[in-house]
Protein backbone atom coordinates (compact mmCIF):
# COMPACT_ATOMS: atom_id res chain seq x y z
CA MET A 1 -59.90 -41.46 -27.93
CA ALA A 2 -61.27 -44.69 -29.39
CA LYS A 3 -60.38 -47.56 -27.07
CA ASN A 4 -61.72 -50.55 -28.97
CA LYS A 5 -62.62 -51.79 -32.42
CA LYS A 6 -66.30 -50.85 -32.04
CA ASP A 7 -65.45 -47.25 -31.14
CA LYS A 8 -63.04 -47.01 -34.07
CA LYS A 9 -65.64 -48.37 -36.47
CA GLU A 10 -68.16 -45.74 -35.34
CA ILE A 11 -65.62 -42.95 -35.80
CA PHE A 12 -64.73 -44.29 -39.24
CA LYS A 13 -68.42 -44.51 -40.20
CA THR A 14 -68.98 -40.91 -39.10
CA ARG A 15 -66.09 -39.77 -41.29
CA ILE A 16 -67.49 -41.66 -44.30
CA ILE A 17 -70.93 -40.10 -43.74
CA GLU A 18 -69.30 -36.66 -43.73
CA LEU A 19 -67.51 -37.57 -46.96
CA ILE A 20 -70.30 -39.06 -49.11
CA GLY A 21 -73.56 -38.78 -47.15
CA GLU A 22 -75.41 -41.26 -44.94
CA LYS A 23 -77.14 -43.34 -47.64
CA GLU A 24 -73.98 -44.06 -49.61
CA ALA A 25 -71.94 -44.45 -46.43
CA MET A 26 -74.22 -47.29 -45.29
CA GLU A 27 -73.86 -48.96 -48.68
CA LEU A 28 -70.07 -48.67 -48.44
CA MET A 29 -69.97 -50.00 -44.87
CA ASN A 30 -71.92 -53.07 -46.00
CA THR A 31 -69.10 -53.98 -48.43
CA LEU A 32 -66.39 -54.08 -45.75
CA GLY A 33 -64.91 -57.48 -45.03
CA LYS A 34 -66.64 -59.03 -48.04
CA PHE A 35 -65.30 -60.69 -51.18
CA SER A 36 -63.35 -58.52 -53.62
CA ALA A 37 -63.25 -59.58 -57.26
CA LYS A 38 -59.93 -60.92 -58.56
CA SER A 39 -58.48 -59.23 -61.62
CA ILE A 40 -55.53 -59.31 -64.00
CA ARG A 41 -53.69 -56.99 -66.36
CA ILE A 42 -52.51 -58.57 -69.59
CA ASN A 43 -49.03 -58.14 -71.02
CA PRO A 44 -49.66 -56.50 -74.43
CA GLU A 45 -46.52 -58.11 -75.87
CA ASN A 46 -48.07 -61.57 -75.58
CA ASP A 47 -50.83 -63.38 -77.46
CA PHE A 48 -53.11 -64.05 -74.49
CA SER A 49 -56.75 -64.75 -75.35
CA HIS A 50 -59.09 -62.77 -73.10
CA SER A 51 -62.32 -62.78 -75.10
CA ASN A 52 -64.24 -64.54 -72.33
CA LEU A 53 -63.18 -62.17 -69.54
CA LYS A 54 -65.06 -59.10 -68.30
CA ILE A 55 -63.30 -55.79 -69.03
CA ILE A 56 -62.28 -53.39 -66.26
CA PRO A 57 -63.90 -50.10 -67.42
CA TRP A 58 -60.90 -47.87 -66.66
CA ASN A 59 -58.32 -50.17 -68.27
CA HIS A 60 -60.10 -51.08 -71.48
CA GLN A 61 -58.52 -53.97 -73.44
CA LYS A 62 -55.73 -54.47 -70.88
CA GLY A 63 -57.46 -55.07 -67.53
CA PHE A 64 -59.93 -57.87 -66.85
CA TYR A 65 -61.88 -59.38 -63.97
CA TRP A 66 -60.98 -62.98 -63.25
CA GLU A 67 -64.17 -65.03 -63.05
CA LYS A 68 -62.72 -68.54 -63.29
CA GLU A 69 -62.96 -70.84 -60.29
CA SER A 70 -59.23 -71.62 -60.31
CA PRO A 71 -56.88 -68.85 -59.15
CA PRO A 72 -55.02 -66.93 -61.89
CA SER A 73 -51.68 -67.96 -60.37
CA SER A 74 -52.39 -71.61 -61.22
CA PHE A 75 -52.29 -71.15 -65.01
CA LEU A 76 -49.27 -71.49 -67.28
CA ASN A 77 -50.00 -68.08 -68.80
CA TYR A 78 -49.06 -66.53 -65.45
CA LEU A 79 -45.71 -68.35 -65.32
CA ALA A 80 -45.14 -67.40 -68.96
CA GLY A 81 -45.56 -63.69 -68.13
CA LYS A 82 -48.69 -63.25 -70.23
CA TYR A 83 -50.57 -61.49 -67.44
CA TYR A 84 -50.01 -59.97 -64.00
CA ILE A 85 -52.37 -60.40 -61.06
CA GLN A 86 -53.34 -56.85 -60.14
CA GLU A 87 -56.35 -55.55 -58.22
CA ALA A 88 -58.71 -53.63 -60.52
CA SER A 89 -58.54 -50.39 -58.53
CA ALA A 90 -54.74 -50.49 -58.55
CA GLN A 91 -54.88 -50.20 -62.35
CA LEU A 92 -56.63 -46.81 -62.24
CA ALA A 93 -53.64 -44.49 -61.69
CA VAL A 94 -51.58 -45.63 -64.68
CA SER A 95 -54.71 -45.80 -66.85
CA LEU A 96 -55.29 -42.11 -66.08
CA LEU A 97 -51.66 -41.38 -66.94
CA ALA A 98 -52.15 -43.17 -70.27
CA SER A 99 -54.94 -40.72 -71.12
CA VAL A 100 -52.55 -37.73 -71.04
CA THR A 101 -49.26 -39.05 -72.51
CA ASP A 102 -48.08 -41.23 -75.39
CA PHE A 103 -45.20 -42.79 -73.35
CA LYS A 104 -42.64 -42.08 -76.10
CA ASN A 105 -39.00 -41.97 -74.93
CA LEU A 106 -39.83 -41.01 -71.37
CA LYS A 107 -37.82 -41.36 -68.19
CA ILE A 108 -40.26 -42.47 -65.51
CA LEU A 109 -39.82 -43.03 -61.78
CA ASP A 110 -42.05 -45.15 -59.56
CA LEU A 111 -41.18 -43.85 -56.08
CA THR A 112 -42.83 -46.59 -54.00
CA ALA A 113 -42.76 -49.51 -56.38
CA ALA A 114 -43.16 -52.86 -54.57
CA PRO A 115 -44.65 -55.29 -55.37
CA GLY A 116 -44.47 -53.85 -58.90
CA GLY A 117 -48.00 -53.61 -60.30
CA LYS A 118 -47.88 -49.96 -61.34
CA SER A 119 -44.27 -50.23 -62.53
CA LEU A 120 -45.08 -53.18 -64.77
CA GLN A 121 -48.30 -51.60 -66.04
CA THR A 122 -46.36 -48.45 -66.95
CA ALA A 123 -43.40 -50.31 -68.48
CA SER A 124 -45.76 -52.30 -70.71
CA LEU A 125 -47.02 -49.04 -72.27
CA MET A 126 -43.65 -47.35 -72.82
CA LYS A 127 -42.26 -46.75 -76.31
CA GLY A 128 -38.58 -46.18 -75.66
CA GLY A 129 -37.03 -44.66 -72.55
CA PHE A 130 -36.89 -46.50 -69.24
CA LEU A 131 -38.50 -46.76 -65.82
CA VAL A 132 -36.86 -46.69 -62.40
CA SER A 133 -38.66 -48.75 -59.74
CA SER A 134 -37.57 -47.57 -56.30
CA GLU A 135 -38.54 -49.32 -53.09
CA ILE A 136 -37.30 -47.95 -49.77
CA ILE A 137 -38.03 -51.14 -47.78
CA LYS A 138 -35.26 -53.59 -48.67
CA SER A 139 -37.24 -56.75 -47.83
CA ARG A 140 -39.80 -55.78 -50.49
CA CYS A 141 -37.21 -55.42 -53.25
CA ASN A 142 -36.85 -59.13 -54.01
CA PRO A 143 -40.59 -59.69 -54.68
CA LEU A 144 -40.45 -56.60 -56.91
CA ARG A 145 -37.50 -58.00 -58.84
CA TRP A 146 -39.10 -61.42 -59.29
CA ASN A 147 -42.33 -59.89 -60.60
CA ILE A 148 -40.30 -58.01 -63.21
CA VAL A 149 -38.48 -61.22 -64.15
CA ARG A 150 -41.77 -63.14 -64.40
CA GLU A 151 -43.20 -60.57 -66.83
CA ARG A 152 -39.80 -60.38 -68.60
CA ARG A 153 -39.43 -56.60 -68.70
CA GLU A 154 -36.05 -55.32 -69.84
CA ASN A 155 -36.81 -51.58 -69.48
CA ILE A 156 -36.89 -51.35 -65.66
CA ILE A 157 -34.11 -50.48 -63.20
CA VAL A 158 -34.70 -51.50 -59.56
CA VAL A 159 -33.18 -49.43 -56.75
CA ASN A 160 -33.50 -49.46 -52.96
CA GLN A 161 -33.47 -45.70 -52.32
CA SER A 162 -35.50 -43.14 -50.39
CA PRO A 163 -37.35 -40.39 -52.29
CA ARG A 164 -35.11 -37.81 -50.61
CA LYS A 165 -31.91 -39.58 -51.69
CA LEU A 166 -33.13 -39.87 -55.27
CA ALA A 167 -34.03 -36.18 -55.31
CA GLU A 168 -30.54 -35.27 -54.12
CA ASN A 169 -28.94 -37.13 -57.02
CA LEU A 170 -31.45 -36.90 -59.89
CA GLU A 171 -33.06 -33.49 -59.53
CA GLY A 172 -35.10 -32.51 -62.59
CA PHE A 173 -34.29 -35.77 -64.39
CA PHE A 174 -37.69 -37.45 -64.86
CA ASP A 175 -40.56 -36.80 -67.26
CA VAL A 176 -43.03 -38.66 -65.04
CA VAL A 177 -43.03 -39.53 -61.33
CA ILE A 178 -45.52 -42.03 -59.91
CA ALA A 179 -46.14 -41.73 -56.16
CA ASP A 180 -48.38 -44.54 -54.94
CA ALA A 181 -48.04 -43.23 -51.41
CA PRO A 182 -48.08 -45.31 -48.21
CA CYS A 183 -51.47 -44.62 -46.67
CA SER A 184 -53.92 -45.60 -43.94
CA GLY A 185 -55.34 -48.31 -46.23
CA GLU A 186 -59.02 -47.64 -45.61
CA GLY A 187 -59.83 -48.73 -49.15
CA LEU A 188 -58.62 -52.23 -48.33
CA PHE A 189 -61.01 -52.70 -45.40
CA GLN A 190 -63.22 -54.53 -47.89
CA LYS A 191 -60.70 -57.38 -47.81
CA LYS A 192 -59.86 -57.43 -44.10
CA LYS A 193 -62.10 -58.77 -41.34
CA ASN A 194 -60.13 -57.12 -38.52
CA SER A 195 -59.49 -53.92 -40.42
CA PHE A 196 -60.35 -51.48 -37.65
CA GLU A 197 -57.92 -52.84 -35.07
CA GLU A 198 -54.95 -50.91 -36.49
CA TRP A 199 -56.88 -47.91 -37.85
CA SER A 200 -56.86 -44.52 -36.13
CA ILE A 201 -57.21 -40.85 -36.98
CA LYS A 202 -53.70 -40.43 -35.60
CA ASN A 203 -52.40 -42.80 -38.28
CA VAL A 204 -54.34 -40.94 -40.99
CA LYS A 205 -52.61 -37.71 -39.94
CA PHE A 206 -49.23 -39.45 -39.78
CA CYS A 207 -49.70 -40.82 -43.30
CA ALA A 208 -50.77 -37.42 -44.64
CA LYS A 209 -47.60 -35.84 -43.24
CA ARG A 210 -45.40 -38.57 -44.75
CA GLN A 211 -47.17 -38.27 -48.11
CA LYS A 212 -46.45 -34.54 -48.26
CA SER A 213 -42.76 -35.26 -47.71
CA ILE A 214 -42.80 -37.78 -50.58
CA LEU A 215 -44.55 -35.26 -52.83
CA LEU A 216 -41.91 -32.62 -52.12
CA SER A 217 -39.24 -35.06 -53.31
CA ALA A 218 -41.38 -35.98 -56.33
CA LYS A 219 -41.60 -32.32 -57.33
CA LYS A 220 -37.84 -31.94 -57.12
CA LEU A 221 -37.29 -35.04 -59.28
CA LEU A 222 -39.55 -33.81 -62.09
CA LYS A 223 -38.58 -31.74 -65.09
CA LYS A 224 -40.59 -28.60 -65.74
CA ASP A 225 -43.86 -29.67 -67.44
CA GLY A 226 -43.32 -33.18 -66.05
CA LEU A 227 -46.28 -35.25 -64.87
CA LEU A 228 -46.92 -36.35 -61.30
CA VAL A 229 -49.23 -39.32 -60.70
CA TYR A 230 -50.43 -39.53 -57.10
CA SER A 231 -52.48 -42.42 -55.74
CA THR A 232 -53.59 -44.08 -52.50
CA CYS A 233 -55.83 -46.93 -51.40
CA THR A 234 -57.67 -44.93 -48.75
CA PHE A 235 -60.86 -42.87 -48.40
CA ALA A 236 -59.43 -40.20 -46.08
CA ARG A 237 -59.69 -36.76 -47.63
CA GLU A 238 -56.56 -35.62 -45.76
CA GLU A 239 -54.58 -38.17 -47.76
CA ASN A 240 -56.31 -37.55 -51.09
CA GLU A 241 -57.90 -34.29 -52.27
CA ALA A 242 -56.12 -32.27 -49.58
CA GLN A 243 -52.77 -33.36 -51.04
CA ILE A 244 -53.86 -32.32 -54.54
CA GLU A 245 -55.04 -28.95 -53.24
CA TYR A 246 -51.57 -28.50 -51.75
CA LEU A 247 -49.90 -29.39 -55.06
CA LEU A 248 -52.09 -27.00 -57.05
CA GLU A 249 -51.13 -24.21 -54.64
CA ASN A 250 -47.44 -25.08 -54.97
CA GLY A 251 -46.36 -25.20 -58.57
CA PHE A 252 -48.65 -27.75 -60.26
CA SER A 253 -51.56 -27.39 -62.67
CA PRO A 254 -54.53 -29.78 -63.09
CA LEU A 255 -55.04 -32.06 -66.08
CA ASP A 256 -58.47 -32.87 -67.47
CA LEU A 257 -58.92 -36.62 -66.94
CA PRO A 258 -61.51 -38.95 -68.50
CA ASP A 259 -64.54 -40.29 -66.67
CA TYR A 260 -65.19 -44.03 -66.41
CA GLU A 261 -68.18 -46.13 -65.48
CA GLY A 262 -68.22 -46.68 -61.71
CA VAL A 263 -65.49 -44.08 -61.06
CA THR A 264 -66.31 -40.75 -59.39
CA ARG A 265 -64.52 -37.41 -59.50
CA GLY A 266 -62.56 -36.14 -56.52
CA ILE A 267 -64.60 -34.77 -53.63
CA SER A 268 -63.81 -31.07 -53.38
CA GLU A 269 -65.39 -27.65 -53.77
CA ASN A 270 -62.38 -26.81 -55.94
CA GLU A 271 -63.31 -27.63 -59.55
CA ALA A 272 -59.61 -27.94 -60.49
CA VAL A 273 -59.21 -30.76 -57.95
CA ARG A 274 -62.33 -32.50 -59.24
CA LYS A 275 -61.02 -32.16 -62.79
CA CYS A 276 -57.70 -33.93 -62.14
CA SER A 277 -58.64 -36.61 -59.57
CA ARG A 278 -60.76 -39.75 -59.49
CA ARG A 279 -62.06 -42.08 -56.77
CA ILE A 280 -63.21 -45.68 -56.67
CA PHE A 281 -65.73 -46.73 -54.01
CA PRO A 282 -66.42 -50.48 -53.56
CA HIS A 283 -70.19 -49.96 -53.32
CA LYS A 284 -70.22 -48.37 -56.78
CA THR A 285 -68.08 -50.80 -58.79
CA GLU A 286 -66.01 -53.99 -58.58
CA GLY A 287 -62.87 -52.79 -56.89
CA SER A 288 -61.38 -51.77 -53.56
CA GLY A 289 -61.34 -48.14 -52.47
CA ALA A 290 -58.80 -46.02 -54.34
CA PHE A 291 -57.84 -42.47 -55.24
CA ALA A 292 -55.70 -41.24 -58.14
CA ALA A 293 -54.77 -37.89 -59.65
CA VAL A 294 -52.48 -36.55 -62.39
CA VAL A 295 -51.03 -33.02 -62.32
CA ARG A 296 -48.35 -31.16 -64.28
CA LYS A 297 -45.35 -29.34 -62.82
CA LYS A 298 -45.48 -25.78 -64.11
CA ASP A 299 -42.97 -23.82 -62.01
CA GLY A 300 -39.20 -23.79 -61.79
CA ASP A 301 -36.56 -23.23 -64.45
CA PHE A 302 -34.11 -25.78 -63.05
CA LYS A 303 -32.64 -28.00 -65.73
CA SER A 304 -30.91 -31.21 -64.76
CA PRO A 305 -27.20 -30.79 -65.56
CA PRO A 306 -25.53 -33.45 -67.71
CA LEU A 307 -25.05 -36.46 -65.46
CA PRO A 308 -22.12 -38.89 -65.61
CA THR A 309 -23.34 -41.97 -67.46
CA VAL A 310 -22.52 -45.65 -67.91
CA SER A 311 -22.94 -47.34 -71.29
CA GLY A 312 -23.96 -50.89 -72.08
CA LYS A 313 -22.45 -53.21 -74.68
CA ALA A 314 -24.00 -54.54 -77.88
CA ASN A 315 -22.27 -57.91 -77.39
CA CYS A 316 -21.12 -59.93 -74.40
CA SER A 317 -18.23 -62.37 -74.84
CA GLU A 318 -18.76 -63.67 -71.29
CA LEU A 319 -21.83 -65.55 -72.59
CA ASN A 320 -19.74 -67.70 -74.94
CA LYS A 321 -18.94 -70.15 -72.13
CA PHE A 322 -22.61 -71.18 -71.98
CA ASP A 323 -22.63 -72.31 -75.64
CA VAL A 324 -26.02 -70.76 -76.40
CA LYS A 325 -27.22 -68.04 -78.73
CA ILE A 326 -28.86 -65.07 -77.01
CA ASN A 327 -31.00 -62.99 -79.37
CA SER A 328 -30.60 -59.69 -77.56
CA GLY A 329 -32.43 -57.66 -80.21
CA ASN A 330 -32.15 -53.92 -79.57
CA ASN A 331 -31.13 -54.39 -75.94
CA PHE A 332 -27.72 -53.81 -74.38
CA PHE A 333 -25.62 -55.80 -71.92
CA PHE A 334 -24.81 -54.33 -68.52
CA LEU A 335 -22.41 -56.21 -66.23
CA LYS A 336 -22.34 -55.76 -62.46
CA ASN A 337 -21.05 -58.03 -59.68
CA ASP A 338 -20.75 -61.08 -61.98
CA MET A 339 -24.32 -60.47 -63.20
CA ILE A 340 -24.98 -60.13 -66.94
CA GLN A 341 -28.16 -58.14 -67.58
CA LEU A 342 -30.03 -57.08 -70.72
CA PHE A 343 -31.43 -53.55 -70.69
CA SER A 344 -33.48 -51.64 -73.25
CA GLU A 345 -31.30 -48.50 -73.29
CA ASN A 346 -27.62 -48.02 -74.11
CA GLU A 347 -26.92 -45.37 -71.48
CA ILE A 348 -28.01 -44.71 -67.89
CA PRO A 349 -26.89 -42.24 -65.20
CA LYS A 350 -23.86 -43.46 -63.27
CA TYR A 351 -25.76 -42.98 -60.00
CA LEU A 352 -28.41 -45.47 -61.13
CA ALA A 353 -25.81 -47.91 -62.45
CA GLU A 354 -24.02 -47.89 -59.09
CA THR A 355 -27.12 -48.19 -56.89
CA ALA A 356 -29.18 -50.55 -59.07
CA LEU A 357 -30.17 -53.92 -57.63
CA GLN A 358 -31.29 -54.97 -61.11
CA THR A 359 -30.88 -53.34 -64.52
CA GLY A 360 -33.32 -54.87 -66.98
CA LEU A 361 -33.37 -58.67 -67.06
CA PRO A 362 -30.56 -60.76 -65.51
CA VAL A 363 -29.65 -63.44 -68.07
CA ALA A 364 -26.51 -65.02 -66.61
CA GLN A 365 -24.25 -65.12 -63.59
CA THR A 366 -20.51 -65.64 -63.98
CA GLY A 367 -17.90 -66.33 -61.31
CA LYS A 368 -18.39 -69.24 -58.89
CA LYS A 369 -22.08 -69.83 -59.70
CA ASN A 370 -21.54 -69.59 -63.47
CA LYS A 371 -25.04 -70.28 -64.83
CA LEU A 372 -27.77 -68.94 -67.09
CA LEU A 373 -30.64 -67.23 -65.27
CA HIS A 374 -34.40 -67.25 -65.80
CA GLY A 375 -34.32 -63.94 -67.71
CA ALA A 376 -32.49 -65.70 -70.55
CA VAL A 377 -35.61 -67.72 -71.40
CA LYS A 378 -36.97 -64.76 -73.38
CA PHE A 379 -33.86 -64.46 -75.55
CA LEU A 380 -32.67 -68.02 -76.24
CA ASP A 381 -32.55 -68.99 -79.89
CA LYS A 382 -35.28 -71.43 -81.01
CA LYS A 383 -32.78 -74.26 -81.43
CA HIS A 384 -32.29 -74.10 -77.66
CA CYS A 385 -35.98 -74.71 -76.94
CA PHE A 386 -37.38 -78.03 -75.69
CA ASP A 387 -41.10 -78.79 -75.89
CA ILE A 388 -42.06 -80.58 -72.69
CA SER A 389 -44.60 -83.41 -72.49
CA LYS A 390 -47.75 -83.21 -70.38
CA GLU A 391 -46.37 -86.05 -68.27
CA ASN A 392 -43.38 -83.92 -67.22
CA LEU A 393 -45.09 -80.53 -67.15
CA GLU A 394 -46.20 -80.70 -63.52
CA LYS A 395 -42.74 -81.81 -62.45
CA PHE A 396 -41.20 -78.81 -64.14
CA VAL A 397 -43.54 -76.10 -62.81
CA THR A 398 -43.20 -77.41 -59.24
CA GLY A 399 -39.39 -77.45 -59.43
CA GLU A 400 -38.63 -81.16 -59.94
CA SER A 401 -36.09 -82.56 -62.40
CA PHE A 402 -36.87 -85.40 -64.80
CA PRO A 403 -35.04 -87.78 -67.18
CA ALA A 404 -34.68 -87.03 -70.89
CA LEU A 405 -32.14 -87.76 -73.61
CA LEU A 406 -31.01 -84.35 -74.74
CA LYS A 407 -27.66 -82.95 -75.83
CA PRO A 408 -25.85 -81.35 -72.85
CA GLY A 409 -26.52 -77.63 -72.44
CA TYR A 410 -29.20 -75.07 -71.55
CA TYR A 411 -32.70 -75.09 -73.02
CA ALA A 412 -35.88 -73.04 -72.70
CA ILE A 413 -38.79 -75.28 -71.70
CA THR A 414 -41.86 -74.67 -73.87
CA PHE A 415 -45.44 -75.94 -73.75
CA LYS A 416 -48.04 -74.95 -76.35
CA ASN A 417 -45.65 -72.22 -77.58
CA LYS A 418 -45.29 -70.77 -74.07
CA ARG A 419 -41.74 -70.30 -72.80
CA LEU A 420 -41.88 -71.34 -69.15
CA GLY A 421 -38.32 -71.50 -67.84
CA LEU A 422 -34.85 -73.03 -68.20
CA ILE A 423 -33.44 -76.52 -67.84
CA LYS A 424 -29.86 -77.75 -68.04
CA SER A 425 -29.18 -81.15 -69.58
CA ASN A 426 -26.25 -83.41 -68.74
CA GLY A 427 -27.25 -85.82 -71.51
CA LYS A 428 -29.46 -88.04 -69.34
CA THR A 429 -31.26 -85.84 -66.82
CA LEU A 430 -32.70 -82.34 -67.12
CA GLN A 431 -31.83 -80.12 -64.16
CA ASN A 432 -34.72 -77.81 -63.34
CA MET A 433 -33.56 -74.15 -63.31
CA LEU A 434 -36.95 -72.63 -62.46
CA PRO A 435 -36.38 -70.21 -59.54
CA VAL A 436 -38.09 -71.09 -56.26
CA SER A 437 -39.92 -67.74 -56.28
CA LEU A 438 -41.60 -68.59 -59.60
CA ARG A 439 -42.56 -72.22 -58.96
CA MET A 440 -46.24 -73.12 -58.93
CA LYS A 441 -48.07 -74.78 -56.05
CA ARG A 442 -51.05 -75.67 -58.21
CA LEU A 443 -51.52 -76.17 -61.95
CA THR A 444 -54.66 -75.68 -64.01
CA LEU A 445 -54.72 -76.67 -67.68
CA SER A 446 -57.35 -75.26 -70.02
CA VAL A 447 -58.35 -77.84 -72.65
CA ASP A 448 -61.19 -77.18 -75.13
CA GLU A 449 -62.34 -74.30 -72.91
CA LYS A 450 -62.66 -76.65 -69.93
CA GLU A 451 -60.42 -76.50 -66.87
CA LYS A 452 -58.65 -79.52 -65.45
CA ILE A 453 -57.32 -79.06 -61.96
CA ILE A 454 -54.07 -80.94 -61.51
CA SER A 455 -52.54 -81.75 -58.18
CA LYS A 456 -49.37 -83.73 -57.51
CA SER A 457 -51.34 -86.81 -56.49
CA SER A 458 -53.69 -86.87 -59.48
CA PHE A 459 -51.61 -85.35 -62.27
CA LYS A 460 -51.05 -88.48 -64.40
CA GLU A 461 -54.63 -89.68 -64.08
CA SER A 462 -56.18 -86.30 -64.93
CA ILE A 463 -54.38 -85.86 -68.26
CA LYS A 464 -55.08 -89.30 -69.74
């Protein structure tokens, strides 16, 4: 048994040599603990210019490496939901899914959703239907919800349920299930200096056992001919190709996936496994270690019986008290616990309606709090928009209020045609409604293709 970090590192190195050979293993080991390139995924609904960014090969036209000096979280485009900060390798699984489906009118489940990268990437590609983002760890649900609100996605339902519980209530309901399984995290050693302290073969085996349990629930949740997307951020074969071999022996068939620059096929003597799985190694491309596969459920004649449903409303009289016009478009209002939410579909299973933490975008809260919420910024009529000055911009994004003569009511704050958040005017002062979870600690403005770093102490001077 390995007693210290040095022993563990040697055991890990031996396993990598057995996996990819000594020469490549040494190259991989040299990447551990070193810088990993930042990357983003753009929101295709927005007009975000990305012509000067380097494309991620496996997410062409939607994924890009971030090569600017300032962090991507410091730009207004991030607050405006125009892109999501997502590690390049984490974009592989859904990109592979996109190669085998058109996303039309699908019901999709992300079984282990937080913090939301794969859910949001999937939701951005969908053409009708809806996605359920489930996260079993309750403390991780709020970050998931805020990421959905930041990107302003109205086609996602968030639940705090276990895979087993979902399978008991929604058997055979989904067209696609995404299982980004909890794993030993070996692929992230590139980012962590003390990565070997918590690593062990025992944990690899524990993760493999837990993953198989998740996959059994995933199979039950899928319709016949449904697609299962399986991914990890580890190198361990027990957690990767071995799981796909198990699936192919138990009711799934392989799909022929595309090849990408810097991405290798699965490591297996079984050609079917190689055909339907892909790996990313950090010594071969810009990205942390990752594994992803897509297979199709072929067995079973079970058909999900008609489920009790809950319907939304085309209009919501409860919003009249806020004296604003909400352009809801083709979305529907769902009310729960004083929360008014806009969702892309008119009907959802009763089980989801009852267990949902969030259905689409929350736009208002009635009852004692009685206020518009950040989700409303996407739907407010143009006459309820207020173009903020540069002098007050930093105050707004950091959560401060500021004086302005404006008719009492709610307004969407805009800057350079970007909708950033809500304010409430009392006629003299604008109350900042930007949620704490979305406020910015640092602001970078791009002017004439040059960046200006703005801090609280130097904001006024830097914009003169």
